[in-house]
Amino acid sequence: MTKVTAKYQITIPPEVRTELGIVPGSEVEICKEEDRYVLVVDPIAELKKNGVGDLRVNSLRMNI
C-alpha cells in the first residue's frame, strides 16, 4: 500500500510505473469507475510527446 504525503502526493511503485510506461513528466488521469478510482495513462499521448514510436493497432501500422 502507498502512503499519501503531507502535500497529498503518492509514490507509484516501480513495477507499476514500468508496466504503464510512466516516466517523470508523464500525465496521468484519475477516473472514478463505480465505487473505485483508477489511474489512466494514455500510451499514445506518451509516444507523441516523445516524438518517436511505432504503434500497431490490429494489422494497421502507424508511425508516430
PDB file of N, CA and C in Angstrom:
ATOM      1  N   MET A   1       0.838  -1.177   0.000  1.00  0.00           N
ATOM      2  CA  MET A   1       0.000   0.000   0.000  1.00  0.00           C
ATOM      3  C   MET A   1       0.886   1.244   0.000  1.00  0.00           C
ATOM      4  N   THR A   2       0.460   2.288  -0.689  1.00  0.00           N
ATOM      5  CA  THR A   2       1.196   3.532  -0.816  1.00  0.00           C
ATOM      6  C   THR A   2       0.655   4.562   0.165  1.00  0.00           C
ATOM      7  N   LYS A   3       1.562   5.321   0.794  1.00  0.00           N
ATOM      8  CA  LYS A   3       1.154   6.377   1.726  1.00  0.00           C
ATOM      9  C   LYS A   3       1.023   7.702   0.986  1.00  0.00           C
ATOM     10  N   VAL A   4       0.171   8.562   1.502  1.00  0.00           N
ATOM     11  CA  VAL A   4      -0.015   9.905   0.975  1.00  0.00           C
ATOM     12  C   VAL A   4       0.822  10.858   1.818  1.00  0.00           C
ATOM     13  N   THR A   5       1.590  11.743   1.149  1.00  0.00           N
ATOM     14  CA  THR A   5       2.426  12.705   1.874  1.00  0.00           C
ATOM     15  C   THR A   5       1.577  13.882   2.352  1.00  0.00           C
ATOM     16  N   ALA A   6       2.202  14.779   3.111  1.00  0.00           N
ATOM     17  CA  ALA A   6       1.519  15.977   3.601  1.00  0.00           C
ATOM     18  C   ALA A   6       1.046  16.871   2.448  1.00  0.00           C
ATOM     19  N   LYS A   7       1.691  16.743   1.284  1.00  0.00           N
ATOM     20  CA  LYS A   7       1.296  17.516   0.098  1.00  0.00           C
ATOM     21  C   LYS A   7       0.338  16.723  -0.794  1.00  0.00           C
ATOM     22  N   TYR A   8      -0.217  15.648  -0.274  1.00  0.00           N
ATOM     23  CA  TYR A   8      -1.172  14.780  -0.990  1.00  0.00           C
ATOM     24  C   TYR A   8      -0.554  14.128  -2.218  1.00  0.00           C
ATOM     25  N   GLN A   9       0.721  13.819  -2.159  1.00  0.00           N
ATOM     26  CA  GLN A   9       1.402  13.120  -3.246  1.00  0.00           C
ATOM     27  C   GLN A   9       1.540  11.644  -2.883  1.00  0.00           C
ATOM     28  N   ILE A  10       1.597  10.801  -3.912  1.00  0.00           N
ATOM     29  CA  ILE A  10       1.830   9.370  -3.705  1.00  0.00           C
ATOM     30  C   ILE A  10       3.005   8.939  -4.563  1.00  0.00           C
ATOM     31  N   THR A  11       3.633   7.842  -4.171  1.00  0.00           N
ATOM     32  CA  THR A  11       4.684   7.243  -4.982  1.00  0.00           C
ATOM     33  C   THR A  11       4.098   6.022  -5.675  1.00  0.00           C
ATOM     34  N   ILE A  12       4.220   5.994  -6.995  1.00  0.00           N
ATOM     35  CA  ILE A  12       3.745   4.845  -7.768  1.00  0.00           C
ATOM     36  C   ILE A  12       4.851   3.805  -7.737  1.00  0.00           C
ATOM     37  N   PRO A  13       4.537   2.582  -7.311  1.00  0.00           N
ATOM     38  CA  PRO A  13       5.566   1.546  -7.212  1.00  0.00           C
ATOM     39  C   PRO A  13       6.279   1.317  -8.554  1.00  0.00           C
ATOM     40  N   PRO A  14       7.578   0.980  -8.500  1.00  0.00           N
ATOM     41  CA  PRO A  14       8.376   0.813  -9.730  1.00  0.00           C
ATOM     42  C   PRO A  14       7.778  -0.170 -10.728  1.00  0.00           C
ATOM     43  N   GLU A  15       7.245  -1.289 -10.249  1.00  0.00           N
ATOM     44  CA  GLU A  15       6.696  -2.274 -11.191  1.00  0.00           C
ATOM     45  C   GLU A  15       5.469  -1.733 -11.915  1.00  0.00           C
ATOM     46  N   VAL A  16       4.686  -0.888 -11.250  1.00  0.00           N
ATOM     47  CA  VAL A  16       3.511  -0.276 -11.886  1.00  0.00           C
ATOM     48  C   VAL A  16       3.966   0.778 -12.889  1.00  0.00           C
ATOM     49  N   ARG A  17       4.950   1.602 -12.515  1.00  0.00           N
ATOM     50  CA  ARG A  17       5.485   2.614 -13.443  1.00  0.00           C
ATOM     51  C   ARG A  17       6.021   1.968 -14.706  1.00  0.00           C
ATOM     52  N   THR A  18       6.759   0.890 -14.543  1.00  0.00           N
ATOM     53  CA  THR A  18       7.338   0.195 -15.691  1.00  0.00           C
ATOM     54  C   THR A  18       6.249  -0.372 -16.585  1.00  0.00           C
ATOM     55  N   GLU A  19       5.287  -1.049 -15.988  1.00  0.00           N
ATOM     56  CA  GLU A  19       4.224  -1.675 -16.774  1.00  0.00           C
ATOM     57  C   GLU A  19       3.379  -0.649 -17.520  1.00  0.00           C
ATOM     58  N   LEU A  20       3.148   0.513 -16.898  1.00  0.00           N
ATOM     59  CA  LEU A  20       2.324   1.543 -17.531  1.00  0.00           C
ATOM     60  C   LEU A  20       3.130   2.523 -18.369  1.00  0.00           C
ATOM     61  N   GLY A  21       4.458   2.416 -18.329  1.00  0.00           N
ATOM     62  CA  GLY A  21       5.300   3.316 -19.115  1.00  0.00           C
ATOM     63  C   GLY A  21       5.335   4.729 -18.559  1.00  0.00           C
ATOM     64  N   ILE A  22       5.165   4.873 -17.258  1.00  0.00           N
ATOM     65  CA  ILE A  22       5.167   6.187 -16.626  1.00  0.00           C
ATOM     66  C   ILE A  22       6.601   6.621 -16.347  1.00  0.00           C
ATOM     67  N   VAL A  23       6.934   7.819 -16.820  1.00  0.00           N
ATOM     68  CA  VAL A  23       8.254   8.416 -16.589  1.00  0.00           C
ATOM     69  C   VAL A  23       8.032   9.815 -16.039  1.00  0.00           C
ATOM     70  N   PRO A  24       9.066  10.453 -15.473  1.00  0.00           N
ATOM     71  CA  PRO A  24       8.888  11.819 -14.987  1.00  0.00           C
ATOM     72  C   PRO A  24       8.313  12.714 -16.084  1.00  0.00           C
ATOM     73  N   GLY A  25       7.287  13.455 -15.748  1.00  0.00           N
ATOM     74  CA  GLY A  25       6.624  14.325 -16.717  1.00  0.00           C
ATOM     75  C   GLY A  25       5.409  13.696 -17.367  1.00  0.00           C
ATOM     76  N   SER A  26       5.201  12.395 -17.163  1.00  0.00           N
ATOM     77  CA  SER A  26       4.022  11.739 -17.723  1.00  0.00           C
ATOM     78  C   SER A  26       2.760  12.340 -17.114  1.00  0.00           C
ATOM     79  N   GLU A  27       1.730  12.444 -17.929  1.00  0.00           N
ATOM     80  CA  GLU A  27       0.444  12.904 -17.431  1.00  0.00           C
ATOM     81  C   GLU A  27      -0.456  11.692 -17.244  1.00  0.00           C
ATOM     82  N   VAL A  28      -1.068  11.613 -16.088  1.00  0.00           N
ATOM     83  CA  VAL A  28      -1.988  10.530 -15.789  1.00  0.00           C
ATOM     84  C   VAL A  28      -3.319  11.136 -15.368  1.00  0.00           C
ATOM     85  N   GLU A  29      -4.358  10.371 -15.489  1.00  0.00           N
ATOM     86  CA  GLU A  29      -5.690  10.819 -15.117  1.00  0.00           C
ATOM     87  C   GLU A  29      -6.233   9.869 -14.062  1.00  0.00           C
ATOM     88  N   ILE A  30      -6.943  10.413 -13.102  1.00  0.00           N
ATOM     89  CA  ILE A  30      -7.597   9.592 -12.088  1.00  0.00           C
ATOM     90  C   ILE A  30      -9.092   9.669 -12.357  1.00  0.00           C
ATOM     91  N   CYS A  31      -9.695   8.508 -12.656  1.00  0.00           N
ATOM     92  CA  CYS A  31     -11.102   8.446 -13.021  1.00  0.00           C
ATOM     93  C   CYS A  31     -11.870   7.591 -12.024  1.00  0.00           C
ATOM     94  N   LYS A  32     -13.122   7.963 -11.827  1.00  0.00           N
ATOM     95  CA  LYS A  32     -13.981   7.171 -10.957  1.00  0.00           C
ATOM     96  C   LYS A  32     -14.727   6.148 -11.800  1.00  0.00           C
ATOM     97  N   GLU A  33     -14.663   4.895 -11.387  1.00  0.00           N
ATOM     98  CA  GLU A  33     -15.395   3.804 -12.025  1.00  0.00           C
ATOM     99  C   GLU A  33     -16.213   3.118 -10.945  1.00  0.00           C
ATOM    100  N   GLU A  34     -17.496   3.392 -10.951  1.00  0.00           N
ATOM    101  CA  GLU A  34     -18.414   2.876  -9.938  1.00  0.00           C
ATOM    102  C   GLU A  34     -17.946   3.274  -8.541  1.00  0.00           C
ATOM    103  N   ASP A  35     -17.509   2.333  -7.724  1.00  0.00           N
ATOM    104  CA  ASP A  35     -17.144   2.642  -6.339  1.00  0.00           C
ATOM    105  C   ASP A  35     -15.628   2.705  -6.109  1.00  0.00           C
ATOM    106  N   ARG A  36     -14.840   2.853  -7.193  1.00  0.00           N
ATOM    107  CA  ARG A  36     -13.390   2.921  -7.036  1.00  0.00           C
ATOM    108  C   ARG A  36     -12.806   3.940  -8.016  1.00  0.00           C
ATOM    109  N   TYR A  37     -11.573   4.312  -7.765  1.00  0.00           N
ATOM    110  CA  TYR A  37     -10.850   5.220  -8.648  1.00  0.00           C
ATOM    111  C   TYR A  37      -9.736   4.449  -9.333  1.00  0.00           C
ATOM    112  N   VAL A  38      -9.470   4.800 -10.594  1.00  0.00           N
ATOM    113  CA  VAL A  38      -8.417   4.122 -11.353  1.00  0.00           C
ATOM    114  C   VAL A  38      -7.472   5.157 -11.964  1.00  0.00           C
ATOM    115  N   LEU A  39      -6.228   4.769 -12.109  1.00  0.00           N
ATOM    116  CA  LEU A  39      -5.205   5.590 -12.734  1.00  0.00           C
ATOM    117  C   LEU A  39      -5.176   5.254 -14.212  1.00  0.00           C
ATOM    118  N   VAL A  40      -5.315   6.270 -15.064  1.00  0.00           N
ATOM    119  CA  VAL A  40      -5.370   6.050 -16.510  1.00  0.00           C
ATOM    120  C   VAL A  40      -4.179   6.748 -17.162  1.00  0.00           C
ATOM    121  N   VAL A  41      -3.443   6.001 -17.959  1.00  0.00           N
ATOM    122  CA  VAL A  41      -2.302   6.533 -18.701  1.00  0.00           C
ATOM    123  C   VAL A  41      -2.616   6.364 -20.179  1.00  0.00           C
ATOM    124  N   ASP A  42      -2.418   7.415 -20.953  1.00  0.00           N
ATOM    125  CA  ASP A  42      -2.669   7.360 -22.389  1.00  0.00           C
ATOM    126  C   ASP A  42      -1.346   7.069 -23.097  1.00  0.00           C
ATOM    127  N   PRO A  43      -1.107   5.824 -23.503  1.00  0.00           N
ATOM    128  CA  PRO A  43       0.187   5.487 -24.109  1.00  0.00           C
ATOM    129  C   PRO A  43       0.438   6.195 -25.430  1.00  0.00           C
ATOM    130  N   ILE A  44      -0.602   6.507 -26.174  1.00  0.00           N
ATOM    131  CA  ILE A  44      -0.411   7.197 -27.457  1.00  0.00           C
ATOM    132  C   ILE A  44       0.076   8.621 -27.207  1.00  0.00           C
ATOM    133  N   ALA A  45      -0.468   9.284 -26.190  1.00  0.00           N
ATOM    134  CA  ALA A  45      -0.007  10.633 -25.855  1.00  0.00           C
ATOM    135  C   ALA A  45       1.463  10.614 -25.463  1.00  0.00           C
ATOM    136  N   GLU A  46       1.890   9.577 -24.748  1.00  0.00           N
ATOM    137  CA  GLU A  46       3.294   9.478 -24.355  1.00  0.00           C
ATOM    138  C   GLU A  46       4.189   9.313 -25.577  1.00  0.00           C
ATOM    139  N   LEU A  47       3.763   8.510 -26.543  1.00  0.00           N
ATOM    140  CA  LEU A  47       4.557   8.325 -27.758  1.00  0.00           C
ATOM    141  C   LEU A  47       4.654   9.636 -28.533  1.00  0.00           C
ATOM    142  N   LYS A  48       3.526  10.339 -28.647  1.00  0.00           N
ATOM    143  CA  LYS A  48       3.531  11.608 -29.375  1.00  0.00           C
ATOM    144  C   LYS A  48       4.411  12.633 -28.678  1.00  0.00           C
ATOM    145  N   LYS A  49       4.369  12.656 -27.342  1.00  0.00           N
ATOM    146  CA  LYS A  49       5.161  13.622 -26.585  1.00  0.00           C
ATOM    147  C   LYS A  49       6.648  13.399 -26.828  1.00  0.00           C
ATOM    148  N   ASN A  50       7.050  12.140 -26.907  1.00  0.00           N
ATOM    149  CA  ASN A  50       8.451  11.811 -27.129  1.00  0.00           C
ATOM    150  C   ASN A  50       8.843  11.943 -28.593  1.00  0.00           C
ATOM    151  N   GLY A  51       7.857  12.039 -29.488  1.00  0.00           N
ATOM    152  CA  GLY A  51       8.128  12.234 -30.899  1.00  0.00           C
ATOM    153  C   GLY A  51       8.640  11.006 -31.626  1.00  0.00           C
ATOM    154  N   VAL A  52       8.573   9.860 -30.985  1.00  0.00           N
ATOM    155  CA  VAL A  52       9.020   8.630 -31.617  1.00  0.00           C
ATOM    156  C   VAL A  52       8.059   7.518 -31.271  1.00  0.00           C
ATOM    157  N   GLY A  53       8.109   6.486 -32.050  1.00  0.00           N
ATOM    158  CA  GLY A  53       7.325   5.318 -31.705  1.00  0.00           C
ATOM    159  C   GLY A  53       6.807   4.611 -32.932  1.00  0.00           C
ATOM    160  N   ASP A  54       6.421   3.415 -32.717  1.00  0.00           N
ATOM    161  CA  ASP A  54       5.860   2.578 -33.760  1.00  0.00           C
ATOM    162  C   ASP A  54       4.672   1.872 -33.122  1.00  0.00           C
ATOM    163  N   LEU A  55       3.487   2.267 -33.506  1.00  0.00           N
ATOM    164  CA  LEU A  55       2.276   1.752 -32.889  1.00  0.00           C
ATOM    165  C   LEU A  55       1.553   0.853 -33.872  1.00  0.00           C
ATOM    166  N   ARG A  56       1.213  -0.333 -33.435  1.00  0.00           N
ATOM    167  CA  ARG A  56       0.463  -1.256 -34.278  1.00  0.00           C
ATOM    168  C   ARG A  56      -0.908  -1.482 -33.659  1.00  0.00           C
ATOM    169  N   VAL A  57      -1.947  -1.190 -34.410  1.00  0.00           N
ATOM    170  CA  VAL A  57      -3.315  -1.404 -33.972  1.00  0.00           C
ATOM    171  C   VAL A  57      -3.904  -2.439 -34.908  1.00  0.00           C
ATOM    172  N   ASN A  58      -4.237  -3.611 -34.341  1.00  0.00           N
ATOM    173  CA  ASN A  58      -4.654  -4.756 -35.159  1.00  0.00           C
ATOM    174  C   ASN A  58      -3.598  -4.963 -36.240  1.00  0.00           C
ATOM    175  N   SER A  59      -3.964  -4.869 -37.505  1.00  0.00           N
ATOM    176  CA  SER A  59      -2.958  -5.060 -38.552  1.00  0.00           C
ATOM    177  C   SER A  59      -2.506  -3.728 -39.144  1.00  0.00           C
ATOM    178  N   LEU A  60      -3.059  -2.629 -38.639  1.00  0.00           N
ATOM    179  CA  LEU A  60      -2.693  -1.301 -39.133  1.00  0.00           C
ATOM    180  C   LEU A  60      -1.445  -0.807 -38.406  1.00  0.00           C
ATOM    181  N   ARG A  61      -0.485  -0.330 -39.141  1.00  0.00           N
ATOM    182  CA  ARG A  61       0.760   0.166 -38.540  1.00  0.00           C
ATOM    183  C   ARG A  61       0.830   1.677 -38.712  1.00  0.00           C
ATOM    184  N   MET A  62       1.055   2.378 -37.611  1.00  0.00           N
ATOM    185  CA  MET A  62       1.152   3.823 -37.660  1.00  0.00           C
ATOM    186  C   MET A  62       2.487   4.248 -37.070  1.00  0.00           C
ATOM    187  N   ASN A  63       3.241   5.046 -37.796  1.00  0.00           N
ATOM    188  CA  ASN A  63       4.470   5.617 -37.258  1.00  0.00           C
ATOM    189  C   ASN A  63       4.153   6.985 -36.696  1.00  0.00           C
ATOM    190  N   ILE A  64       4.581   7.213 -35.479  1.00  0.00           N
ATOM    191  CA  ILE A  64       4.289   8.488 -34.813  1.00  0.00           C
ATOM    192  C   ILE A  64       5.569   9.279 -34.696  1.00  0.00           C
TER     193      ILE A  64
END
